[in-house]
N, C-alpha and C. Protein backbone atom coordinates (compact mmCIF):
# COMPACT_ATOMS: atom_id res chain seq x y z
N MET A 1 -26.97 17.33 8.50
CA MET A 1 -25.91 16.43 8.25
C MET A 1 -24.61 17.11 8.05
N LYS A 2 -23.54 16.60 8.38
CA LYS A 2 -22.17 17.50 8.22
C LYS A 2 -21.78 16.86 6.82
N TRP A 3 -21.66 17.56 6.06
CA TRP A 3 -21.23 17.28 4.46
C TRP A 3 -19.82 17.53 4.49
N LEU A 4 -19.17 18.45 5.28
CA LEU A 4 -17.85 18.50 5.21
C LEU A 4 -17.24 17.19 5.62
N GLU A 5 -17.55 16.80 6.80
CA GLU A 5 -17.10 15.62 7.22
C GLU A 5 -17.09 14.33 6.49
N LEU A 6 -18.31 14.20 5.71
CA LEU A 6 -18.50 13.33 4.73
C LEU A 6 -17.74 13.38 3.57
N LEU A 7 -17.52 14.65 2.98
CA LEU A 7 -16.41 14.89 1.93
C LEU A 7 -14.91 14.56 2.40
N GLN A 8 -14.52 14.64 3.58
CA GLN A 8 -13.17 14.53 4.22
C GLN A 8 -12.96 13.03 4.33
N VAL A 9 -13.86 12.19 4.63
CA VAL A 9 -13.76 10.90 4.95
C VAL A 9 -13.75 10.16 3.46
N ALA A 10 -14.40 10.68 2.48
CA ALA A 10 -14.29 10.25 1.19
C ALA A 10 -13.02 10.60 0.43
N GLY A 11 -12.54 11.69 0.61
CA GLY A 11 -11.47 12.08 0.20
C GLY A 11 -10.00 11.38 0.57
N VAL A 12 -10.26 10.96 1.99
CA VAL A 12 -9.20 10.10 2.77
C VAL A 12 -9.16 8.82 2.17
N THR A 13 -10.57 8.28 2.02
CA THR A 13 -10.49 6.96 1.43
C THR A 13 -10.02 6.84 0.04
N LEU A 14 -10.48 7.59 -0.62
CA LEU A 14 -9.93 7.63 -2.08
C LEU A 14 -8.53 7.81 -2.25
N VAL A 15 -7.73 8.64 -1.30
CA VAL A 15 -6.41 8.64 -1.17
C VAL A 15 -5.70 7.31 -0.75
N ALA A 16 -6.20 6.71 0.07
CA ALA A 16 -5.72 5.60 0.80
C ALA A 16 -6.01 4.50 -0.30
N ALA A 17 -6.92 4.35 -0.88
CA ALA A 17 -7.27 3.21 -1.65
C ALA A 17 -6.27 3.66 -3.00
N VAL A 18 -5.95 4.67 -3.41
CA VAL A 18 -5.00 4.74 -4.55
C VAL A 18 -3.58 4.48 -4.28
N THR A 19 -3.10 4.96 -2.95
CA THR A 19 -1.65 4.48 -2.37
C THR A 19 -1.63 3.04 -2.25
N LEU A 20 -2.65 2.38 -1.68
CA LEU A 20 -2.43 0.82 -1.70
C LEU A 20 -2.44 0.25 -2.92
N VAL A 21 -3.16 0.98 -4.13
CA VAL A 21 -2.99 0.04 -5.27
C VAL A 21 -1.72 0.41 -5.90
N VAL A 22 -1.20 1.80 -6.01
CA VAL A 22 0.12 2.14 -6.48
C VAL A 22 1.14 1.17 -5.80
N LEU A 23 1.31 1.18 -4.48
CA LEU A 23 2.34 0.55 -3.99
C LEU A 23 2.04 -1.06 -4.21
N TYR A 24 1.02 -1.76 -4.19
CA TYR A 24 0.90 -3.16 -4.87
C TYR A 24 1.23 -3.18 -6.21
N SER A 25 1.07 -2.52 -7.05
CA SER A 25 1.46 -2.36 -8.57
C SER A 25 2.72 -1.97 -8.66
N LEU A 26 3.74 -1.16 -7.92
CA LEU A 26 4.98 -0.99 -7.93
C LEU A 26 5.66 -2.25 -7.42
N GLY A 27 5.31 -2.99 -6.53
CA GLY A 27 5.96 -4.02 -5.88
C GLY A 27 5.96 -5.12 -7.06
N VAL A 28 4.44 -5.35 -7.83
CA VAL A 28 4.75 -6.29 -8.84
C VAL A 28 5.46 -6.14 -9.94
N ARG A 29 5.58 -4.48 -10.43
CA ARG A 29 6.58 -4.16 -11.41
C ARG A 29 7.75 -4.44 -11.04
N LEU A 30 8.25 -4.35 -10.03
CA LEU A 30 9.64 -4.20 -9.33
C LEU A 30 9.85 -5.69 -9.33
N THR A 31 9.21 -6.73 -8.93
CA THR A 31 9.31 -7.94 -9.02
C THR A 31 9.49 -8.62 -10.37
N ALA A 32 8.76 -8.07 -11.18
CA ALA A 32 9.05 -8.47 -12.76
C ALA A 32 10.33 -8.00 -13.29
N ILE A 33 10.82 -6.85 -12.86
CA ILE A 33 12.03 -6.20 -13.32
C ILE A 33 13.09 -7.25 -12.51
N ALA A 34 12.97 -7.58 -11.49
CA ALA A 34 14.07 -8.26 -10.95
C ALA A 34 14.13 -9.58 -11.51
N GLY A 35 13.26 -10.19 -11.94
CA GLY A 35 13.16 -11.42 -12.56
C GLY A 35 13.87 -11.33 -14.08
N ASP A 36 14.14 -10.27 -14.53
CA ASP A 36 14.73 -10.06 -15.75
C ASP A 36 15.93 -10.40 -15.98
N ALA A 37 16.63 -11.45 -16.79
CA ALA A 37 17.87 -11.98 -16.75
C ALA A 37 18.97 -10.86 -17.22
N GLN A 38 18.66 -9.67 -17.76
CA GLN A 38 19.75 -8.71 -18.01
C GLN A 38 19.66 -7.50 -16.97
N GLN A 39 18.81 -7.67 -16.05
CA GLN A 39 19.10 -6.64 -14.88
C GLN A 39 20.39 -6.66 -14.09
N LYS A 40 21.10 -5.64 -13.94
CA LYS A 40 22.42 -5.66 -13.13
C LYS A 40 22.49 -5.86 -11.84
N SER A 41 21.24 -5.38 -11.08
CA SER A 41 21.22 -5.58 -9.64
C SER A 41 19.85 -6.19 -9.36
N PRO A 42 19.62 -7.32 -9.46
CA PRO A 42 18.31 -7.91 -9.13
C PRO A 42 18.07 -7.83 -7.57
N ALA A 43 18.98 -7.98 -6.81
CA ALA A 43 18.79 -8.01 -5.20
C ALA A 43 18.35 -6.75 -4.84
N LEU A 44 18.63 -5.57 -5.39
CA LEU A 44 18.29 -4.31 -4.95
C LEU A 44 16.79 -4.00 -5.29
N VAL A 45 16.39 -4.38 -6.70
CA VAL A 45 15.08 -4.26 -7.13
C VAL A 45 14.26 -5.28 -6.19
N ARG A 46 14.62 -6.39 -6.13
CA ARG A 46 13.77 -7.55 -5.52
C ARG A 46 13.48 -7.00 -4.12
N SER A 47 14.44 -6.48 -3.21
CA SER A 47 14.26 -5.81 -1.94
C SER A 47 13.33 -4.40 -1.98
N LEU A 48 13.34 -3.74 -2.92
CA LEU A 48 12.56 -2.68 -3.19
C LEU A 48 11.15 -3.21 -3.34
N ALA A 49 10.97 -4.18 -4.11
CA ALA A 49 9.59 -4.75 -4.19
C ALA A 49 8.75 -5.39 -3.01
N TYR A 50 9.76 -6.06 -2.27
CA TYR A 50 9.47 -6.46 -0.74
C TYR A 50 9.21 -5.36 0.00
N LEU A 51 9.83 -4.39 -0.02
CA LEU A 51 9.57 -3.04 0.99
C LEU A 51 8.18 -2.59 0.24
N CYS A 52 7.69 -2.47 -0.72
CA CYS A 52 6.50 -2.04 -1.37
C CYS A 52 5.43 -3.00 -0.57
N PHE A 53 5.60 -4.03 -0.82
CA PHE A 53 4.54 -5.20 -0.30
C PHE A 53 4.59 -5.27 0.95
N GLY A 54 5.70 -4.95 1.98
CA GLY A 54 5.44 -4.80 3.18
C GLY A 54 4.87 -3.50 3.79
N VAL A 55 5.20 -2.22 3.03
CA VAL A 55 4.47 -1.07 3.44
C VAL A 55 2.77 -0.97 2.94
N CYS A 56 2.67 -1.86 1.99
CA CYS A 56 1.30 -2.12 1.77
C CYS A 56 0.53 -3.03 2.80
N GLY A 57 1.24 -4.12 3.10
CA GLY A 57 0.60 -4.77 4.38
C GLY A 57 0.43 -4.05 5.76
N VAL A 58 1.41 -3.37 5.90
CA VAL A 58 1.16 -2.43 7.12
C VAL A 58 0.16 -1.33 7.06
N ALA A 59 -0.23 -0.90 5.91
CA ALA A 59 -1.27 0.04 5.77
C ALA A 59 -2.58 -0.82 5.91
N VAL A 60 -2.64 -1.98 5.30
CA VAL A 60 -3.90 -2.60 5.19
C VAL A 60 -4.08 -3.08 6.76
N LEU A 61 -2.92 -3.54 7.78
CA LEU A 61 -3.33 -3.73 8.98
C LEU A 61 -3.73 -2.76 9.95
N PHE A 62 -3.17 -1.42 9.55
CA PHE A 62 -3.59 -0.26 10.10
C PHE A 62 -5.10 0.22 10.06
N GLY A 63 -5.40 -0.25 8.62
CA GLY A 63 -6.93 -0.03 8.35
C GLY A 63 -7.81 -0.99 9.21
N ILE A 64 -7.26 -2.10 9.33
CA ILE A 64 -8.13 -3.43 10.20
C ILE A 64 -8.14 -2.77 11.54
N TYR A 65 -6.92 -2.28 12.11
CA TYR A 65 -6.91 -1.70 13.41
C TYR A 65 -8.04 -0.56 13.52
N LEU A 66 -8.31 0.39 12.72
CA LEU A 66 -8.98 1.29 12.89
C LEU A 66 -10.40 0.93 12.81
N ILE A 67 -10.62 0.02 11.96
CA ILE A 67 -12.14 -0.35 11.51
C ILE A 67 -12.54 -1.30 12.81
N VAL A 68 -11.71 -2.37 13.44
CA VAL A 68 -12.28 -3.19 14.20
C VAL A 68 -12.22 -2.52 15.95
N PRO A 69 -13.66 -2.37 16.58
CA PRO A 69 -13.42 -1.69 17.67
C PRO A 69 -12.68 -2.56 18.64
N TYR A 70 -12.56 -3.78 18.71
CA TYR A 70 -11.85 -4.50 19.82
C TYR A 70 -10.26 -4.08 20.04
N PHE A 71 -9.65 -3.67 19.16
CA PHE A 71 -8.32 -3.18 18.75
C PHE A 71 -8.18 -1.75 19.44
N GLY A 72 -9.54 -0.72 19.37
CA GLY A 72 -9.29 0.49 19.79
C GLY A 72 -9.29 0.74 21.19
N LYS A 73 -9.61 -0.38 22.03
CA LYS A 73 -9.86 -0.07 23.40
C LYS A 73 -8.43 -0.04 24.33
């Protein structure tokens, strides 16, 4: 068995999962900050939150593209 390839896949999976969780939680946090009444520029913070959600969604779609063999043809 090729143990190095298995460790490589496990490492990439771990990094991708942590990145998705961080992006989503950062988007939730920025959305909460944008809803604060004392925030000076809520539109900028809200747009950054939507950007985080968008990047997270694109990463999920890319993962689905890699997994489903129909899209790889």
